[in-house]
Amino acid sequence: MDFLKRNLNKRKFERVKARFVVSCNMDRSLEMHMWVGNREIDALMLDLSQEGMAILAKYDIPKATVLSIKFTLINVNADEDRVRSMEIVGRVRYSISSEKKEYKLGISFIRISKRNKEAIANFVKSEMDR
């Protein structure tokens, strides 16, 4: 938990609570692909920022695993891009297990388009202004 508390203070961007369904695939280039396979993992997004997200998953994904993440961002307060499908590549930074056999995963984005980053920034700003 000390690791988590220290890293929460190091964030460059504000993070807001978000509830979207997220699909993740293991990056095919990883060695662990051999025993994980191409299995798609459904998870629930807990929060979102320009640089990362937290998700709740039923699988313990090891730290440093690279994921291909797909989700649809819905920003009802936006003038443009109210609904935007996103594909982002992220790396697992931490995994914390819960009593319900679920795992909270912290993911930092390592490949994100400028347009997706702007859409997330607008979403975060609109949620903070509420």
Protein backbone atom coordinates (compact mmCIF):
# COMPACT_ATOMS: atom_id res chain seq x y z
CA MET A 1 0.00 0.00 0.00
CA ASP A 2 2.90 2.40 0.60
CA PHE A 3 3.85 2.02 -3.06
CA LEU A 4 0.33 3.02 -4.09
CA LYS A 5 0.21 6.04 -1.76
CA ARG A 6 3.61 7.31 -2.97
CA ASN A 7 2.67 6.97 -6.63
CA LEU A 8 -0.72 8.65 -6.24
CA ASN A 9 1.09 11.88 -5.36
CA LYS A 10 3.32 11.66 -8.45
CA ARG A 11 0.54 11.89 -11.05
CA LYS A 12 0.89 14.68 -13.59
CA PHE A 13 -2.77 14.67 -14.61
CA GLU A 14 -6.01 14.72 -12.65
CA ARG A 15 -7.88 11.42 -12.49
CA VAL A 16 -11.67 11.14 -12.25
CA LYS A 17 -13.99 8.26 -11.46
CA ALA A 18 -15.28 6.62 -14.64
CA ARG A 19 -17.49 3.59 -15.27
CA PHE A 20 -16.99 2.07 -18.72
CA VAL A 21 -16.57 -1.54 -19.79
CA VAL A 22 -13.01 -2.15 -20.97
CA SER A 23 -11.69 -5.02 -23.10
CA CYS A 24 -8.01 -5.94 -22.84
CA ASN A 25 -5.82 -8.27 -24.87
CA MET A 26 -2.33 -9.33 -23.95
CA ASP A 27 0.25 -7.94 -26.33
CA ARG A 28 1.07 -10.76 -28.74
CA SER A 29 4.80 -10.09 -28.61
CA LEU A 30 5.11 -11.04 -24.94
CA GLU A 31 6.67 -14.35 -23.95
CA MET A 32 3.79 -14.98 -21.59
CA HIS A 33 1.53 -15.17 -24.62
CA MET A 34 2.40 -18.82 -24.81
CA TRP A 35 0.49 -19.68 -21.66
CA VAL A 36 -2.06 -16.85 -21.63
CA GLY A 37 -3.20 -17.10 -25.24
CA ASN A 38 -5.30 -14.55 -27.10
CA ARG A 39 -8.00 -14.50 -24.47
CA GLU A 40 -9.92 -11.25 -24.25
CA ILE A 41 -10.43 -9.98 -20.71
CA ASP A 42 -13.45 -7.88 -19.76
CA ALA A 43 -12.92 -5.41 -16.95
CA LEU A 44 -14.60 -2.41 -15.37
CA MET A 45 -12.84 0.96 -15.53
CA LEU A 46 -12.65 2.60 -12.11
CA ASP A 47 -10.92 5.86 -13.01
CA LEU A 48 -9.30 7.56 -15.96
CA SER A 49 -6.69 10.23 -16.70
CA GLN A 50 -4.65 11.33 -19.70
CA GLU A 51 -1.81 9.06 -18.66
CA GLY A 52 -3.61 5.98 -17.36
CA MET A 53 -6.51 4.22 -15.74
CA ALA A 54 -7.47 1.82 -13.00
CA ILE A 55 -9.57 -1.22 -13.86
CA LEU A 56 -11.20 -4.01 -11.90
CA ALA A 57 -10.58 -7.44 -13.46
CA LYS A 58 -11.13 -11.07 -12.56
CA TYR A 59 -7.56 -11.93 -13.56
CA ASP A 60 -4.28 -11.11 -11.88
CA ILE A 61 -2.26 -9.59 -14.70
CA PRO A 62 1.44 -9.38 -13.81
CA LYS A 63 3.17 -6.04 -13.39
CA ALA A 64 4.83 -4.77 -16.61
CA THR A 65 2.42 -6.71 -18.87
CA VAL A 66 1.55 -4.74 -22.01
CA LEU A 67 -2.17 -4.64 -22.83
CA SER A 68 -4.16 -3.55 -25.85
CA ILE A 69 -7.12 -1.69 -24.35
CA LYS A 70 -10.40 -0.91 -26.11
CA PHE A 71 -13.27 1.11 -24.71
CA THR A 72 -15.86 3.69 -25.73
CA LEU A 73 -15.60 7.05 -24.01
CA ILE A 74 -18.92 8.86 -23.62
CA ASN A 75 -18.74 12.56 -22.78
CA VAL A 76 -22.26 14.01 -22.70
CA ASN A 77 -20.83 17.48 -22.02
CA ALA A 78 -18.67 17.58 -25.16
CA ASP A 79 -19.55 19.69 -28.19
CA GLU A 80 -17.71 17.25 -30.50
CA ASP A 81 -16.61 13.65 -30.04
CA ARG A 82 -19.37 12.85 -27.54
CA VAL A 83 -18.93 9.14 -28.21
CA ARG A 84 -15.44 7.98 -29.11
CA SER A 85 -14.16 4.42 -29.50
CA MET A 86 -10.57 4.17 -28.32
CA GLU A 87 -7.72 1.73 -28.72
CA ILE A 88 -4.80 2.41 -26.41
CA VAL A 89 -1.73 0.41 -25.44
CA GLY A 90 -0.93 0.39 -21.72
CA ARG A 91 1.40 -1.26 -19.22
CA VAL A 92 0.30 -2.75 -15.89
CA ARG A 93 1.95 -0.78 -13.08
CA TYR A 94 0.39 -2.59 -10.11
CA SER A 95 -2.14 -5.28 -9.20
CA ILE A 96 -3.97 -5.35 -5.87
CA SER A 97 -6.18 -8.33 -5.00
CA SER A 98 -9.50 -7.99 -3.20
CA GLU A 99 -11.47 -10.38 -1.02
CA LYS A 100 -13.86 -11.02 -3.94
CA LYS A 101 -11.11 -12.59 -6.09
CA GLU A 102 -10.95 -9.45 -8.21
CA TYR A 103 -7.88 -7.39 -8.99
CA LYS A 104 -7.48 -3.64 -9.18
CA LEU A 105 -4.96 -2.96 -11.92
CA GLY A 106 -3.19 0.35 -12.41
CA ILE A 107 -2.36 0.89 -16.06
CA SER A 108 -0.19 3.62 -17.58
CA PHE A 109 -0.65 4.45 -21.25
CA ILE A 110 2.41 3.86 -23.41
CA ARG A 111 0.80 4.39 -26.83
CA ILE A 112 -2.15 6.76 -27.24
CA SER A 113 -3.13 9.00 -30.14
CA LYS A 114 -3.16 12.75 -29.68
CA ARG A 115 -6.88 12.83 -30.47
CA ASN A 116 -7.68 10.18 -27.84
CA LYS A 117 -5.54 11.98 -25.26
CA GLU A 118 -7.43 15.24 -25.98
CA ALA A 119 -10.80 13.47 -25.71
CA ILE A 120 -9.81 12.01 -22.32
CA ALA A 121 -8.54 15.42 -21.15
CA ASN A 122 -11.90 16.99 -22.13
CA PHE A 123 -13.77 14.22 -20.34
CA VAL A 124 -11.73 14.65 -17.17
CA LYS A 125 -12.18 18.44 -17.25
CA SER A 126 -15.94 18.17 -17.76
CA GLU A 127 -16.24 15.69 -14.87
CA MET A 128 -14.20 17.93 -12.56
CA ASP A 129 -16.32 20.96 -13.48
CA ARG A 130 -19.52 19.14 -12.47
